Amino acid sequence: MAYSKERQAAVIAKMLPPLSAVSAKLGLSARTVQRWSGPDGSVREDARPTAVRPTPANRLSDAERDRIAATCNAPEFASLPPGQIVPRLADRGEYIGSESTMYRVLRERGQAGRRGRARAPRASRPPTTHRAAGPCQVWSWDITWLPGPALGMFFYRYLILDIWSRKITGWEVCDRENGALAAQVVEKAVWAEGCVTRPLTLHADNGSPMKAATLRVTLERLGVTASYSRPRVSNDNPFSEALFRTCKYVPSWPERGFESLEAARAWVANFVRWYNGEHRHSALRVVTPDQRHRQQDRAILSQRHAVYQAARARHPERWSGHTRCWRPIGDVWLNPERPDQERRGHGAADALPHKAGGGGPMAAQPLQTTA
């Protein structure tokens, strides 16, 4: 019994899976599967790339394309982009093509690069990473202004900070800023901390006193490695900037300025004494920079942990999880670029991960104490 082609196609269609199921299995649209399937069920080649397409009626002629290229390469337009060429031609009453048309013609002829003396933007180099695993390994320093007795009159405060302990290791207030004074401040701080010829890195921005020849010679003589921020990057020296912010927001800051250079020096001396010896730094687990610098923080934090554990033992029902984390912070990084850990911003400390629970957001696993 003979069947018509329509009948045969209907029978085959019932035997094959639905087109939607096939396309879903292949990850393609139903229209694509339809286009790739021949009448007999075979796979046929995609004919779109080799299809003969009619020439658009509005296509530019070769003469018009040559005119656009010649105009863009004329001496008066050679350094200008099409966005500047088209309006200038319109001011003369001429129109030879739109901006996109000019870009297309130039691109076809390999001339779509940057015109004139313009250069392609270069990717900025990554910041230099410094790791401090102990005191007197990486220092950061900067100069800031202190308001004087009259409007527009300033004194200059030099501050050097150990990024591992946050201790101010050197300071001075002068009536000017230059490389010679900076060299004196740095040399005095290095001798005071007893780190001459030790591997010490001194990080600063790109100010003229920081790159002065006098300071560079002094650093080489002391065995100190100079490090600088990237040009036009304001956050490559975060520790010094944070210190300046703390200094200018203490309650004793004179809002009307300092009466004299001696008054400014006396105030900064009191601030340094308070900051190093009394200020509990939040980034150091609330210990003072002096305690951290002398590596006394471990004993202090261990005692705090014991106090918290005793409080939890007295009233366990008041604690929903672990006590607050009193582990000492680990290494401190300046501009961290570590592939093995996720980036935590400039000046991140290598602290252990925190776990939420009783005792606030800084709660973590209990501290292991040694006998």
Protein backbone atom coordinates (compact mmCIF):
# COMPACT_ATOMS: atom_id res chain seq x y z
CA MET A 1 0.00 0.00 0.00
CA ALA A 2 1.57 3.29 -1.13
CA TYR A 3 1.51 6.40 1.02
CA SER A 4 1.82 9.97 -0.09
CA LYS A 5 4.86 12.08 0.85
CA GLU A 6 2.74 14.05 3.28
CA ARG A 7 1.65 10.83 4.98
CA GLN A 8 5.22 9.58 5.16
CA ALA A 9 6.40 12.88 6.68
CA ALA A 10 3.64 12.71 9.30
CA VAL A 11 4.64 9.16 10.29
CA ILE A 12 8.33 10.10 10.55
CA ALA A 13 7.47 13.21 12.59
CA LYS A 14 5.63 11.04 15.12
CA MET A 15 8.63 8.69 15.45
CA LEU A 16 11.18 11.50 16.00
CA PRO A 17 11.40 13.48 19.25
CA PRO A 18 9.86 16.98 19.29
CA LEU A 19 12.00 19.73 17.77
CA SER A 20 11.94 21.67 21.02
CA ALA A 21 13.40 18.68 22.90
CA VAL A 22 16.18 18.30 20.31
CA SER A 23 17.07 22.00 20.39
CA ALA A 24 17.08 22.02 24.21
CA LYS A 25 19.40 19.00 24.25
CA LEU A 26 21.82 20.66 21.83
CA GLY A 27 21.63 24.03 23.50
CA LEU A 28 20.43 25.66 20.26
CA SER A 29 17.27 27.43 19.23
CA ALA A 30 14.59 25.50 17.31
CA ARG A 31 15.11 27.78 14.28
CA THR A 32 18.82 26.91 14.15
CA VAL A 33 18.12 23.18 14.29
CA GLN A 34 15.54 23.63 11.54
CA ARG A 35 17.98 25.55 9.36
CA TRP A 36 20.74 22.94 9.80
CA SER A 37 18.44 19.99 9.00
CA GLY A 38 18.01 18.86 5.38
CA PRO A 39 14.77 17.55 3.88
CA ASP A 40 15.99 13.97 4.28
CA GLY A 41 17.07 14.47 7.92
CA SER A 42 20.77 14.99 7.16
CA VAL A 43 22.83 17.90 8.49
CA ARG A 44 23.55 20.54 5.89
CA GLU A 45 26.20 23.24 5.92
CA ASP A 46 25.34 26.72 7.07
CA ALA A 47 25.04 28.69 3.86
CA ARG A 48 24.93 32.15 5.38
CA PRO A 49 28.68 32.92 5.17
CA THR A 50 28.85 31.94 1.51
CA ALA A 51 25.53 33.43 0.46
CA VAL A 52 25.61 35.91 -2.42
CA ARG A 53 24.14 39.11 -1.13
CA PRO A 54 23.01 42.04 -3.29
CA THR A 55 24.95 45.27 -3.09
CA PRO A 56 23.08 47.87 -1.00
CA ALA A 57 21.65 50.67 -3.05
CA ASN A 58 23.12 53.29 -0.71
CA ARG A 59 26.67 51.89 -0.77
CA LEU A 60 29.42 54.43 -1.30
CA SER A 61 31.23 54.23 -4.57
CA ASP A 62 34.98 53.68 -4.73
CA ALA A 63 35.47 57.31 -5.72
CA GLU A 64 33.53 58.48 -2.65
CA ARG A 65 35.57 56.22 -0.39
CA ASP A 66 38.80 57.53 -1.88
CA ARG A 67 37.60 61.09 -1.30
CA ILE A 68 36.82 60.37 2.37
CA ALA A 69 40.25 58.79 2.89
CA ALA A 70 41.99 61.67 1.11
CA THR A 71 40.08 64.24 3.20
CA CYS A 72 40.90 62.52 6.50
CA ASN A 73 44.57 62.34 5.49
CA ALA A 74 44.80 65.96 4.39
CA PRO A 75 47.37 67.99 6.38
CA GLU A 76 44.69 70.09 8.08
CA PHE A 77 42.73 67.00 9.23
CA ALA A 78 45.51 64.45 9.70
CA SER A 79 45.57 64.86 13.49
CA LEU A 80 41.80 65.17 13.98
CA PRO A 81 39.22 62.42 14.60
CA PRO A 82 36.10 62.16 12.40
CA GLY A 83 34.12 63.78 15.22
CA GLN A 84 36.07 66.98 14.51
CA ILE A 85 36.33 66.62 10.74
CA VAL A 86 32.61 66.32 9.96
CA PRO A 87 31.55 69.57 11.72
CA ARG A 88 34.43 71.51 10.13
CA LEU A 89 33.39 70.33 6.67
CA ALA A 90 29.78 71.26 7.48
CA ASP A 91 30.95 74.80 8.32
CA ARG A 92 32.31 74.98 4.75
CA GLY A 93 29.04 73.69 3.33
CA GLU A 94 30.46 70.25 2.53
CA TYR A 95 29.19 66.82 3.53
CA ILE A 96 31.00 63.71 2.31
CA GLY A 97 29.85 61.22 4.96
CA SER A 98 28.93 60.74 8.59
CA GLU A 99 31.39 60.11 11.41
CA SER A 100 30.61 56.39 11.45
CA THR A 101 31.16 56.24 7.68
CA MET A 102 34.57 57.87 8.04
CA TYR A 103 35.51 55.47 10.80
CA ARG A 104 34.39 52.53 8.63
CA VAL A 105 36.43 53.70 5.62
CA LEU A 106 39.51 54.34 7.76
CA ARG A 107 39.12 50.96 9.43
CA GLU A 108 38.94 49.19 6.07
CA ARG A 109 42.24 50.82 5.09
CA GLY A 110 43.99 50.17 8.39
CA GLN A 111 43.99 53.84 9.43
CA ALA A 112 41.60 53.69 12.38
CA GLY A 113 44.35 54.04 14.96
CA ARG A 114 44.99 57.07 17.12
CA ARG A 115 45.57 60.11 14.98
CA GLY A 116 48.27 62.72 15.36
CA ARG A 117 50.53 62.48 18.40
CA ALA A 118 47.89 60.79 20.55
CA ARG A 119 49.03 57.51 22.06
CA ALA A 120 47.06 54.55 23.27
CA PRO A 121 46.53 54.60 27.05
CA ARG A 122 48.95 52.42 28.93
CA ALA A 123 47.87 50.27 31.81
CA SER A 124 49.24 51.61 35.07
CA ARG A 125 51.75 49.39 36.76
CA PRO A 126 50.54 47.60 39.88
CA PRO A 127 51.59 49.15 43.18
CA THR A 128 54.71 47.82 44.82
CA THR A 129 53.75 45.43 47.60
CA HIS A 130 55.55 45.58 50.94
CA ARG A 131 55.13 43.08 53.76
CA ALA A 132 55.97 43.85 57.37
CA ALA A 133 56.31 40.80 59.62
CA GLY A 134 57.76 42.73 62.57
CA PRO A 135 58.79 46.18 63.78
CA CYS A 136 61.21 48.37 61.81
CA GLN A 137 60.72 46.56 58.51
CA VAL A 138 58.47 48.96 56.58
CA TRP A 139 58.02 52.63 57.43
CA SER A 140 55.72 55.16 55.82
CA TRP A 141 56.23 58.90 56.00
CA ASP A 142 54.76 62.13 54.68
CA ILE A 143 54.61 65.87 55.26
CA THR A 144 51.44 67.78 56.10
CA TRP A 145 50.61 71.39 56.85
CA LEU A 146 49.78 72.83 60.25
CA PRO A 147 47.83 76.12 60.30
CA GLY A 148 49.83 79.08 61.53
CA PRO A 149 48.78 82.24 63.37
CA ALA A 150 47.69 84.05 60.20
CA LEU A 151 45.62 83.04 57.21
CA GLY A 152 47.85 81.48 54.57
CA MET A 153 50.72 80.83 56.98
CA PHE A 154 51.62 77.19 57.65
CA PHE A 155 54.12 75.03 59.46
CA TYR A 156 55.26 71.69 58.07
CA ARG A 157 54.98 68.51 60.10
CA TYR A 158 57.16 65.52 59.21
CA LEU A 159 55.84 62.17 60.49
CA ILE A 160 57.33 58.67 60.10
CA LEU A 161 55.15 55.65 60.94
CA ASP A 162 55.99 51.98 61.38
CA ILE A 163 53.16 50.23 59.50
CA TRP A 164 53.49 47.00 61.51
CA SER A 165 53.04 48.58 64.94
CA ARG A 166 51.57 51.97 63.89
CA LYS A 167 54.18 53.60 66.13
CA ILE A 168 55.36 57.09 65.21
CA THR A 169 59.11 56.51 64.98
CA GLY A 170 60.11 60.01 63.93
CA TRP A 171 58.66 63.49 63.68
CA GLU A 172 59.56 67.15 63.35
CA VAL A 173 57.83 70.49 62.77
CA CYS A 174 59.64 73.04 60.58
CA ASP A 175 58.87 76.31 58.88
CA ARG A 176 59.66 74.88 55.42
CA GLU A 177 59.90 71.57 53.61
CA ASN A 178 62.94 70.33 51.74
CA GLY A 179 65.06 67.25 51.28
CA ALA A 180 67.76 68.27 53.75
CA LEU A 181 65.32 68.56 56.65
CA ALA A 182 63.66 65.28 55.63
CA ALA A 183 67.06 63.56 55.64
CA GLN A 184 67.71 64.78 59.18
CA VAL A 185 64.33 63.50 60.41
CA VAL A 186 64.82 60.10 58.82
CA GLU A 187 68.38 59.67 60.06
CA LYS A 188 67.37 60.64 63.59
CA ALA A 189 64.51 58.10 63.55
CA VAL A 190 66.72 55.30 62.19
CA TRP A 191 69.34 55.82 64.90
CA ALA A 192 66.68 56.13 67.62
CA GLU A 193 65.13 52.78 66.63
CA GLY A 194 68.52 51.11 66.24
CA CYS A 195 67.86 49.80 62.75
CA VAL A 196 70.92 51.10 60.90
CA THR A 197 71.94 48.79 58.01
CA ARG A 198 68.95 46.57 58.76
CA PRO A 199 66.60 45.75 55.85
CA LEU A 200 64.23 48.69 56.20
CA THR A 201 61.89 50.07 53.52
CA LEU A 202 60.77 53.69 53.65
CA HIS A 203 57.62 54.39 51.63
CA ALA A 204 56.52 57.87 50.59
CA ASP A 205 54.65 59.70 47.87
CA ASN A 206 56.27 61.51 44.96
CA GLY A 207 56.75 64.93 46.53
CA SER A 208 59.94 66.84 45.82
CA PRO A 209 61.34 66.48 49.38
CA MET A 210 60.77 62.71 49.18
CA LYS A 211 62.79 62.42 45.98
CA ALA A 212 65.45 64.98 46.80
CA ALA A 213 69.04 63.94 46.15
CA THR A 214 70.05 64.74 49.74
CA LEU A 215 67.48 62.33 51.14
CA ARG A 216 68.39 59.60 48.65
CA VAL A 217 72.05 59.78 49.56
CA THR A 218 71.17 59.60 53.26
CA LEU A 219 68.95 56.54 52.70
CA GLU A 220 71.71 54.75 50.78
CA ARG A 221 74.19 55.51 53.55
CA LEU A 222 71.82 54.14 56.19
CA GLY A 223 70.96 51.03 54.16
CA VAL A 224 67.30 52.04 53.75
CA THR A 225 65.39 51.11 50.60
CA ALA A 226 63.27 53.92 49.16
CA SER A 227 59.76 53.15 47.89
CA TYR A 228 57.38 55.55 46.18
CA SER A 229 53.70 55.71 45.31
CA ARG A 230 52.53 55.47 41.74
CA PRO A 231 52.26 58.83 39.96
CA ARG A 232 48.86 60.51 40.38
CA VAL A 233 47.59 57.77 42.71
CA SER A 234 46.46 59.24 46.01
CA ASN A 235 45.84 56.06 48.00
CA ASP A 236 49.23 54.32 47.71
CA ASN A 237 50.32 55.77 51.06
CA PRO A 238 47.29 54.97 53.25
CA PHE A 239 48.94 54.62 56.65
CA SER A 240 50.33 58.16 56.71
CA GLU A 241 47.05 59.61 55.46
CA ALA A 242 45.11 57.77 58.16
CA LEU A 243 47.52 59.08 60.79
CA PHE A 244 47.05 62.66 59.59
CA ARG A 245 43.30 62.23 59.83
CA THR A 246 43.57 60.97 63.41
CA CYS A 247 45.85 63.86 64.31
CA LYS A 248 43.54 66.55 62.94
CA TYR A 249 40.41 65.17 64.63
CA VAL A 250 41.60 64.82 68.21
CA PRO A 251 39.72 67.11 70.64
CA SER A 252 42.82 69.16 71.45
CA TRP A 253 43.38 70.22 67.83
CA PRO A 254 43.64 74.05 67.75
CA GLU A 255 40.95 75.26 65.40
CA ARG A 256 42.47 78.75 65.15
CA GLY A 257 45.94 77.52 64.31
CA PHE A 258 49.22 77.53 66.21
CA GLU A 259 50.60 80.77 67.56
CA SER A 260 54.23 79.94 66.84
CA LEU A 261 56.57 77.22 65.66
CA GLU A 262 57.41 76.35 69.27
CA ALA A 263 53.72 75.95 70.12
CA ALA A 264 53.25 73.64 67.13
CA ARG A 265 56.23 71.51 68.17
CA ALA A 266 54.97 71.25 71.75
CA TRP A 267 51.51 70.19 70.59
CA VAL A 268 52.87 67.55 68.19
CA ALA A 269 55.15 66.20 70.92
CA ASN A 270 52.15 65.70 73.21
CA PHE A 271 50.19 64.10 70.38
CA VAL A 272 52.99 61.63 69.60
CA ARG A 273 53.28 60.72 73.27
CA TRP A 274 49.52 60.12 73.49
CA TYR A 275 49.29 58.26 70.18
CA ASN A 276 52.17 55.89 70.89
CA GLY A 277 51.53 55.27 74.58
CA GLU A 278 47.80 55.75 75.25
CA HIS A 279 45.83 55.45 72.01
CA ARG A 280 44.26 51.99 71.67
CA HIS A 281 44.42 51.35 67.95
CA SER A 282 41.40 49.54 66.50
CA ALA A 283 43.51 47.88 63.78
CA LEU A 284 45.83 46.39 66.44
CA ARG A 285 43.09 44.64 68.45
CA VAL A 286 42.82 47.77 70.65
CA VAL A 287 46.37 47.83 71.99
CA THR A 288 48.70 50.82 71.87
CA PRO A 289 51.37 51.17 69.17
CA ASP A 290 54.09 51.02 71.84
CA GLN A 291 52.74 47.70 73.13
CA ARG A 292 52.61 46.31 69.62
CA HIS A 293 56.09 47.66 68.79
CA ARG A 294 57.57 45.99 71.88
CA GLN A 295 55.62 42.82 70.97
CA GLN A 296 53.71 42.88 74.25
CA ASP A 297 50.36 42.58 72.48
CA ARG A 298 50.27 38.77 72.61
CA ALA A 299 50.34 38.65 76.41
CA ILE A 300 47.76 41.45 76.69
CA LEU A 301 45.38 39.83 74.22
CA SER A 302 45.82 36.42 75.84
CA GLN A 303 44.80 37.95 79.18
CA ARG A 304 41.73 39.55 77.57
CA HIS A 305 40.79 36.21 76.09
CA ALA A 306 41.01 34.61 79.53
CA VAL A 307 38.75 37.32 80.97
CA TYR A 308 36.16 36.72 78.25
CA GLN A 309 36.31 32.96 78.73
CA ALA A 310 35.76 33.35 82.48
CA ALA A 311 32.80 35.67 81.86
CA ARG A 312 31.31 33.16 79.47
CA ALA A 313 31.80 30.33 81.95
CA ARG A 314 29.92 32.28 84.64
CA HIS A 315 26.94 33.02 82.36
CA PRO A 316 26.97 30.68 79.36
CA GLU A 317 23.34 31.48 78.62
CA ARG A 318 24.36 35.02 77.69
CA TRP A 319 26.67 33.88 74.87
CA SER A 320 25.22 32.57 71.63
CA GLY A 321 28.60 31.65 70.17
CA HIS A 322 32.31 32.15 70.58
CA THR A 323 33.80 35.06 72.46
CA ARG A 324 35.36 38.04 70.77
CA CYS A 325 38.51 37.37 68.77
CA TRP A 326 41.58 38.56 70.66
CA ARG A 327 44.17 36.95 68.41
CA PRO A 328 47.09 39.24 67.52
CA ILE A 329 47.01 40.41 63.94
CA GLY A 330 49.59 38.87 61.67
CA ASP A 331 51.69 40.46 58.96
CA VAL A 332 50.77 43.88 57.65
CA TRP A 333 50.83 44.64 53.94
CA LEU A 334 51.24 47.95 52.17
CA ASN A 335 49.33 47.90 48.87
CA PRO A 336 48.70 44.15 49.00
CA GLU A 337 48.76 42.19 45.76
CA ARG A 338 48.63 38.58 46.96
CA PRO A 339 47.36 35.94 44.54
CA ASP A 340 46.65 33.45 47.32
CA GLN A 341 44.26 35.72 49.20
CA GLU A 342 41.48 38.00 48.09
CA ARG A 343 42.27 41.68 48.03
CA ARG A 344 41.09 43.52 51.11
CA GLY A 345 42.06 47.05 50.10
CA HIS A 346 45.09 49.18 50.73
CA GLY A 347 46.90 48.66 53.99
CA ALA A 348 45.16 45.38 54.82
CA ALA A 349 46.38 43.45 57.84
CA ASP A 350 46.82 39.71 57.57
CA ALA A 351 44.32 39.00 60.32
CA LEU A 352 42.70 35.62 60.72
CA PRO A 353 39.14 35.27 59.36
CA HIS A 354 36.37 36.26 61.73
CA LYS A 355 33.26 34.25 62.44
CA ALA A 356 30.02 35.85 63.47
CA GLY A 357 28.60 34.83 66.81
CA GLY A 358 28.39 35.85 70.42
CA GLY A 359 30.53 38.79 71.37
CA GLY A 360 29.83 40.88 68.28
CA PRO A 361 31.01 40.81 64.67
CA MET A 362 34.65 40.23 65.69
CA ALA A 363 33.90 36.88 67.26
CA ALA A 364 36.01 33.93 66.12
CA GLN A 365 37.36 30.60 67.26
CA PRO A 366 38.75 30.55 70.80
CA LEU A 367 42.36 31.60 71.20
CA GLN A 368 44.73 28.73 71.88
CA THR A 369 46.86 29.65 74.87
CA THR A 370 50.11 28.03 75.76
CA ALA A 371 51.10 27.00 79.22
